[in-house]
């Protein structure tokens, strides 16, 4: 690995359809495991935090890397790295979480100071409003489906958890949504306990 400290972001993204393993290494940049060995990847930021992959309409892979100091850095295939930061309309540079969505918008970004932001062809959109979150420091998001097929957006913050359906906030127990001391780092969907459940 490029460095010993990795931010729990060791994630298989299949950026070249070969299921390579990428690692975000704090202060050391980006690493990739392929052909049985780790190697450092030339990357414009030393502080990558999060990873996601989407596809172009033609099937080409796009690798997105959230950073602590530049915003989102991305590349299509093996092309050059490009930066989406404040100059492009991103509210803040610290991108704690990235999640590719199965529906539009194409990408959700959890920001250190700016809440949850979506990126699609129309640019950046903040949803929900920062004041509607338990804390604007957003560490993860997860999209699930309700029993009636509607999308539910779960948002983890440094002040609790919130969930949204059709643009409306869903009621959650106060211990989850109104606890300023509850730091929620990650969200996963699992069937391990019977049925489909969200684990924070």
Protein backbone atom coordinates (compact mmCIF):
# COMPACT_ATOMS: atom_id res chain seq x y z
CA UNK A 1 0.00 0.00 0.00
CA UNK A 2 1.15 3.60 -0.52
CA UNK A 3 0.74 4.17 3.25
CA UNK A 4 -0.08 2.25 6.39
CA UNK A 5 -3.08 4.36 7.40
CA UNK A 6 -6.14 3.79 5.22
CA UNK A 7 -9.52 5.34 6.11
CA UNK A 8 -11.47 2.07 6.07
CA UNK A 9 -11.91 2.72 2.38
CA UNK A 10 -10.65 -0.51 0.85
CA UNK A 11 -13.29 -1.06 -1.78
CA UNK A 12 -13.65 -3.19 -4.90
CA UNK A 13 -14.96 -0.90 -7.60
CA UNK A 14 -14.17 -2.84 -10.76
CA UNK A 15 -13.02 0.34 -12.49
CA UNK A 16 -11.53 -1.59 -15.41
CA UNK A 17 -14.05 -4.49 -15.26
CA UNK A 18 -11.31 -6.60 -13.65
CA UNK A 19 -12.44 -6.03 -10.03
CA UNK A 20 -9.35 -4.18 -8.97
CA UNK A 21 -9.14 -3.19 -5.30
CA UNK A 22 -8.62 0.49 -4.56
CA UNK A 23 -7.37 1.98 -1.28
CA UNK A 24 -7.64 5.57 -0.08
CA UNK A 25 -4.50 6.19 2.00
CA UNK A 26 -4.47 9.29 4.15
CA UNK A 27 -1.56 11.64 3.30
CA UNK A 28 -0.21 9.07 0.81
CA UNK A 29 -2.74 9.16 -2.01
CA UNK A 30 -4.43 6.38 -3.94
CA UNK A 31 -3.38 2.74 -4.26
CA UNK A 32 -4.64 -0.14 -6.38
CA UNK A 33 -4.23 -3.91 -6.05
CA UNK A 34 -3.92 -5.73 -9.35
CA UNK A 35 -1.92 -8.65 -10.73
CA UNK A 36 -1.10 -9.76 -7.18
CA UNK A 37 0.55 -6.56 -5.96
CA UNK A 38 -0.20 -3.07 -4.64
CA UNK A 39 1.00 0.00 -6.48
CA UNK A 40 0.60 3.72 -5.98
CA UNK A 41 -1.52 5.53 -8.56
CA UNK A 42 -0.52 9.05 -9.65
CA UNK A 43 -3.25 11.19 -8.14
CA UNK A 44 -3.64 14.97 -7.64
CA UNK A 45 -4.55 14.77 -3.91
CA UNK A 46 -2.76 13.15 -0.97
CA UNK A 47 -6.03 12.95 0.98
CA UNK A 48 -8.52 10.63 -0.74
CA UNK A 49 -11.43 9.55 1.48
CA UNK A 50 -14.18 7.80 -0.49
CA UNK A 51 -14.77 5.83 -3.69
CA UNK A 52 -17.57 5.12 -6.14
CA UNK A 53 -17.98 3.91 -9.70
CA UNK A 54 -20.59 4.78 -12.34
CA UNK A 55 -20.91 3.97 -16.03
CA UNK A 56 -21.35 6.16 -19.08
CA UNK A 57 -24.27 5.36 -21.42
CA UNK A 58 -21.79 3.47 -23.59
CA UNK A 59 -20.63 1.36 -20.62
CA UNK A 60 -17.31 3.09 -19.94
CA UNK A 61 -16.30 3.11 -16.27
CA UNK A 62 -16.03 6.37 -14.35
CA UNK A 63 -14.08 6.22 -11.08
CA UNK A 64 -14.98 8.91 -8.52
CA UNK A 65 -12.72 9.68 -5.56
CA UNK A 66 -13.81 12.02 -2.78
CA UNK A 67 -10.98 13.98 -1.19
CA UNK A 68 -10.48 16.08 1.92
CA UNK A 69 -8.83 19.00 0.15
CA UNK A 70 -9.99 19.22 -3.48
CA UNK A 71 -13.58 18.00 -3.71
CA UNK A 72 -14.28 15.10 -6.09
CA UNK A 73 -11.61 13.83 -8.47
CA UNK A 74 -12.77 11.59 -11.32
CA UNK A 75 -11.66 9.96 -14.52
CA UNK A 76 -13.30 8.09 -17.36
CA UNK A 77 -11.58 4.79 -18.15
CA UNK A 78 -7.83 5.35 -17.96
CA UNK A 79 -8.10 8.99 -18.96
CA UNK A 80 -6.74 12.01 -17.07
CA UNK A 81 -7.98 12.92 -13.59
CA UNK A 82 -10.40 15.84 -13.44
CA UNK A 83 -11.52 17.88 -10.45
CA UNK A 84 -14.98 19.02 -9.35
CA UNK A 85 -14.55 21.47 -6.48
CA UNK A 86 -15.87 24.83 -5.28
CA UNK A 87 -15.02 26.41 -8.64
CA UNK A 88 -17.46 23.93 -10.21
CA UNK A 89 -20.23 24.65 -7.69
CA UNK A 90 -19.49 22.04 -4.99
CA UNK A 91 -20.38 23.62 -1.60
CA UNK A 92 -17.23 22.35 0.21
CA UNK A 93 -14.14 20.28 -0.50
CA UNK A 94 -14.33 17.55 2.16
CA UNK A 95 -16.21 14.68 0.48
CA UNK A 96 -16.68 12.06 3.22
CA UNK A 97 -18.93 9.70 1.25
CA UNK A 98 -19.83 8.81 -2.33
CA UNK A 99 -22.70 6.62 -3.44
CA UNK A 100 -23.70 5.76 -6.97
CA UNK A 101 -27.48 5.73 -7.32
CA UNK A 102 -29.52 3.32 -9.36
CA UNK A 103 -31.88 6.17 -10.20
CA UNK A 104 -31.27 9.83 -10.91
CA UNK A 105 -29.39 11.67 -9.50
CA UNK A 106 -26.37 9.72 -10.64
CA UNK A 107 -24.13 10.32 -7.61
CA UNK A 108 -24.66 11.28 -3.96
CA UNK A 109 -21.87 13.12 -2.12
CA UNK A 110 -21.70 13.42 1.66
CA UNK A 111 -19.81 16.60 2.56
CA UNK A 112 -17.90 17.52 5.66
CA UNK A 113 -19.67 20.88 5.91
CA UNK A 114 -22.26 21.01 3.15
CA UNK A 115 -24.72 18.20 3.88
CA UNK A 116 -25.73 15.80 1.11
CA UNK A 117 -25.26 16.87 -2.50
CA UNK A 118 -26.38 15.13 -5.69
CA UNK A 119 -24.61 15.37 -9.02
CA UNK A 120 -26.36 14.81 -12.35
CA UNK A 121 -26.53 16.44 -15.75
CA UNK A 122 -28.00 19.58 -14.20
CA UNK A 123 -25.06 20.10 -11.86
CA UNK A 124 -25.02 20.01 -8.05
CA UNK A 125 -28.17 19.99 -5.90
CA UNK A 126 -28.22 20.03 -2.09
CA UNK A 127 -30.94 17.77 -0.66
CA UNK A 128 -32.27 17.94 1.90
CA UNK A 129 -31.56 21.45 3.13
CA UNK A 130 -28.67 21.63 5.58
CA UNK A 131 -31.02 22.86 8.31
CA UNK A 132 -33.15 19.71 7.87
CA UNK A 133 -30.25 17.43 8.79
CA UNK A 134 -29.28 16.50 12.36
CA UNK A 135 -25.77 17.73 11.49
CA UNK A 136 -24.42 19.09 8.16
CA UNK A 137 -21.36 16.80 8.43
CA UNK A 138 -22.62 13.88 6.31
CA UNK A 139 -20.66 10.64 6.53
CA UNK A 140 -22.73 8.19 4.44
CA UNK A 141 -25.90 7.73 2.41
CA UNK A 142 -27.84 4.67 1.28
CA UNK A 143 -30.74 4.26 -1.12
CA UNK A 144 -33.22 1.44 -0.47
CA UNK A 145 -36.73 0.55 -1.66
CA UNK A 146 -39.89 0.48 0.42
CA UNK A 147 -42.46 -2.31 0.15
CA UNK A 148 -44.41 -0.22 -2.35
CA UNK A 149 -41.32 0.27 -4.53
CA UNK A 150 -40.57 3.90 -3.64
CA UNK A 151 -36.98 4.98 -3.06
CA UNK A 152 -35.92 5.76 0.52
CA UNK A 153 -32.79 7.84 1.04
CA UNK A 154 -30.97 7.23 4.35
CA UNK A 155 -28.44 9.84 5.49
CA UNK A 156 -25.82 9.30 8.21
CA UNK A 157 -24.43 12.38 9.93
CA UNK A 158 -22.26 13.30 12.89
CA UNK A 159 -25.46 14.07 14.77
CA UNK A 160 -27.66 11.08 14.02
CA UNK A 161 -29.61 9.43 11.22
CA UNK A 162 -32.37 10.68 8.94
CA UNK A 163 -34.46 9.12 6.16
CA UNK A 164 -36.43 10.62 3.27
CA UNK A 165 -39.14 9.31 0.94
CA UNK A 166 -40.66 11.26 -1.95
CA UNK A 167 -39.08 14.45 -0.62
CA UNK A 168 -40.55 14.06 2.87
CA UNK A 169 -38.71 13.26 6.08
CA UNK A 170 -39.67 9.93 7.65
CA UNK A 171 -40.20 9.64 11.42
CA UNK A 172 -37.37 7.87 13.23
CA UNK A 173 -36.86 7.19 16.96
CA UNK A 174 -35.40 10.29 18.69
CA UNK A 175 -32.38 8.28 19.86
CA UNK A 176 -31.42 7.93 16.16
CA UNK A 177 -32.48 11.25 14.67
CA UNK A 178 -32.23 13.76 17.51
CA UNK A 179 -29.10 12.77 19.39
CA UNK A 180 -26.28 15.33 18.88
CA UNK A 181 -23.79 12.86 20.36
CA UNK A 182 -24.62 10.05 17.92
CA UNK A 183 -21.97 9.90 15.21
CA UNK A 184 -23.13 7.55 12.44
CA UNK A 185 -20.18 6.59 10.24
CA UNK A 186 -21.64 4.14 7.77
CA UNK A 187 -24.82 2.47 6.49
CA UNK A 188 -25.31 -0.98 4.97
CA UNK A 189 -28.31 -2.92 3.72
CA UNK A 190 -28.40 -6.57 4.76
CA UNK A 191 -30.64 -9.63 4.78
CA UNK A 192 -28.55 -11.39 7.44
CA UNK A 193 -31.21 -11.00 10.15
CA UNK A 194 -34.21 -12.00 8.05
CA UNK A 195 -35.76 -9.62 5.57
CA UNK A 196 -34.06 -6.50 4.23
CA UNK A 197 -32.73 -4.20 6.96
CA UNK A 198 -30.59 -1.06 7.19
CA UNK A 199 -27.74 -1.28 9.72
CA UNK A 200 -26.05 1.91 10.95
